[in-house]
Amino acid sequence: MVKKASVIFGALLLLFQVVTVAGELNPKIDTRLSFRYLSVNDGLSQNSVSSILQMADGRILIGTYDGLNFFDGYDIHAVRHASG
């Protein structure tokens, strides 16, 4: 049983390494992409994010424990959780 687990672990490790190397060698990766972090300083209702979803119109919904946030690429609009 231990030998079987070792073989499976080794195969998964090898697969991970192959995928990682293949991604690094891909010349078609767009280097113009950038990402910035969003925080409460940017208008996010809370720093702890529980879910992220992109809508058909391109806006990104960010769910936190304090409410729902809409990000349009420029501004964050927060709809806070009403207590009660």
Protein backbone atom coordinates (compact mmCIF):
# COMPACT_ATOMS: atom_id res chain seq x y z
CA MET A 1 0.00 0.00 0.00
CA VAL A 2 2.87 2.38 0.84
CA LYS A 3 4.56 1.58 -2.48
CA LYS A 4 1.36 2.37 -4.40
CA ALA A 5 1.02 5.72 -2.60
CA SER A 6 4.66 6.51 -3.37
CA VAL A 7 4.14 5.77 -7.06
CA ILE A 8 1.04 7.97 -7.21
CA PHE A 9 2.81 10.80 -5.37
CA GLY A 10 5.80 10.53 -7.72
CA ALA A 11 3.57 10.61 -10.79
CA LEU A 12 1.73 13.69 -9.53
CA LEU A 13 5.02 15.41 -8.72
CA LEU A 14 6.35 14.66 -12.21
CA LEU A 15 3.14 15.94 -13.81
CA PHE A 16 3.36 19.16 -11.79
CA GLN A 17 6.96 19.71 -12.89
CA VAL A 18 6.13 19.10 -16.57
CA VAL A 19 3.21 21.54 -16.46
CA THR A 20 5.35 24.16 -14.72
CA VAL A 21 8.19 23.89 -17.23
CA ALA A 22 5.78 23.90 -20.19
CA GLY A 23 4.21 27.11 -18.90
CA GLU A 24 7.59 28.80 -18.60
CA LEU A 25 8.58 27.84 -22.14
CA ASN A 26 5.37 29.11 -23.77
CA PRO A 27 6.31 32.14 -25.92
CA LYS A 28 2.65 33.06 -26.47
CA ILE A 29 2.16 34.34 -22.92
CA ASP A 30 1.10 37.98 -22.99
CA THR A 31 3.57 39.95 -20.88
CA ARG A 32 1.36 43.07 -20.98
CA LEU A 33 -0.97 41.60 -18.37
CA SER A 34 -0.77 43.12 -14.93
CA PHE A 35 -2.55 42.65 -11.65
CA ARG A 36 -2.96 44.96 -8.72
CA TYR A 37 -4.24 44.13 -5.28
CA LEU A 38 -7.47 45.63 -4.02
CA SER A 39 -7.99 46.46 -0.37
CA VAL A 40 -10.20 48.52 1.90
CA ASN A 41 -8.03 51.49 0.89
CA ASP A 42 -9.43 51.08 -2.64
CA GLY A 43 -13.04 50.87 -1.42
CA LEU A 44 -13.39 47.14 -0.79
CA SER A 45 -15.84 46.51 2.06
CA GLN A 46 -13.42 44.10 3.78
CA ASN A 47 -9.98 42.62 3.03
CA SER A 48 -11.16 39.02 3.57
CA VAL A 49 -12.64 37.86 0.26
CA SER A 50 -14.83 34.75 0.20
CA SER A 51 -15.73 34.61 -3.52
CA ILE A 52 -14.98 36.23 -6.88
CA LEU A 53 -17.10 36.07 -10.04
CA GLN A 54 -16.90 37.88 -13.37
CA MET A 55 -20.25 38.92 -14.86
CA ALA A 56 -21.10 38.87 -18.58
CA ASP A 57 -20.69 42.66 -18.80
CA GLY A 58 -17.09 42.39 -17.52
CA ARG A 59 -17.65 43.64 -13.98
CA ILE A 60 -16.15 41.56 -11.21
CA LEU A 61 -18.22 40.66 -8.17
CA ILE A 62 -16.21 40.31 -4.98
CA GLY A 63 -17.98 38.76 -2.02
CA THR A 64 -16.77 39.51 1.49
CA TYR A 65 -18.25 38.82 4.91
CA ASP A 66 -19.23 42.49 5.07
CA GLY A 67 -21.04 42.73 1.73
CA LEU A 68 -20.89 42.46 -2.05
CA ASN A 69 -18.51 44.61 -4.10
CA PHE A 70 -18.72 45.45 -7.80
CA PHE A 71 -15.41 46.27 -9.55
CA ASP A 72 -15.64 47.74 -13.06
CA GLY A 73 -11.90 48.02 -13.64
CA TYR A 74 -11.74 51.53 -12.24
CA ASP A 75 -13.90 51.84 -9.14
CA ILE A 76 -15.32 49.60 -6.43
CA HIS A 77 -18.96 49.97 -5.46
CA ALA A 78 -19.78 48.24 -2.18
CA VAL A 79 -23.21 46.98 -1.09
CA ARG A 80 -22.82 46.29 2.60
CA HIS A 81 -24.57 43.66 4.65
CA ALA A 82 -27.48 45.09 6.61
CA SER A 83 -27.47 43.97 10.24
CA GLY A 84 -30.67 42.71 11.74
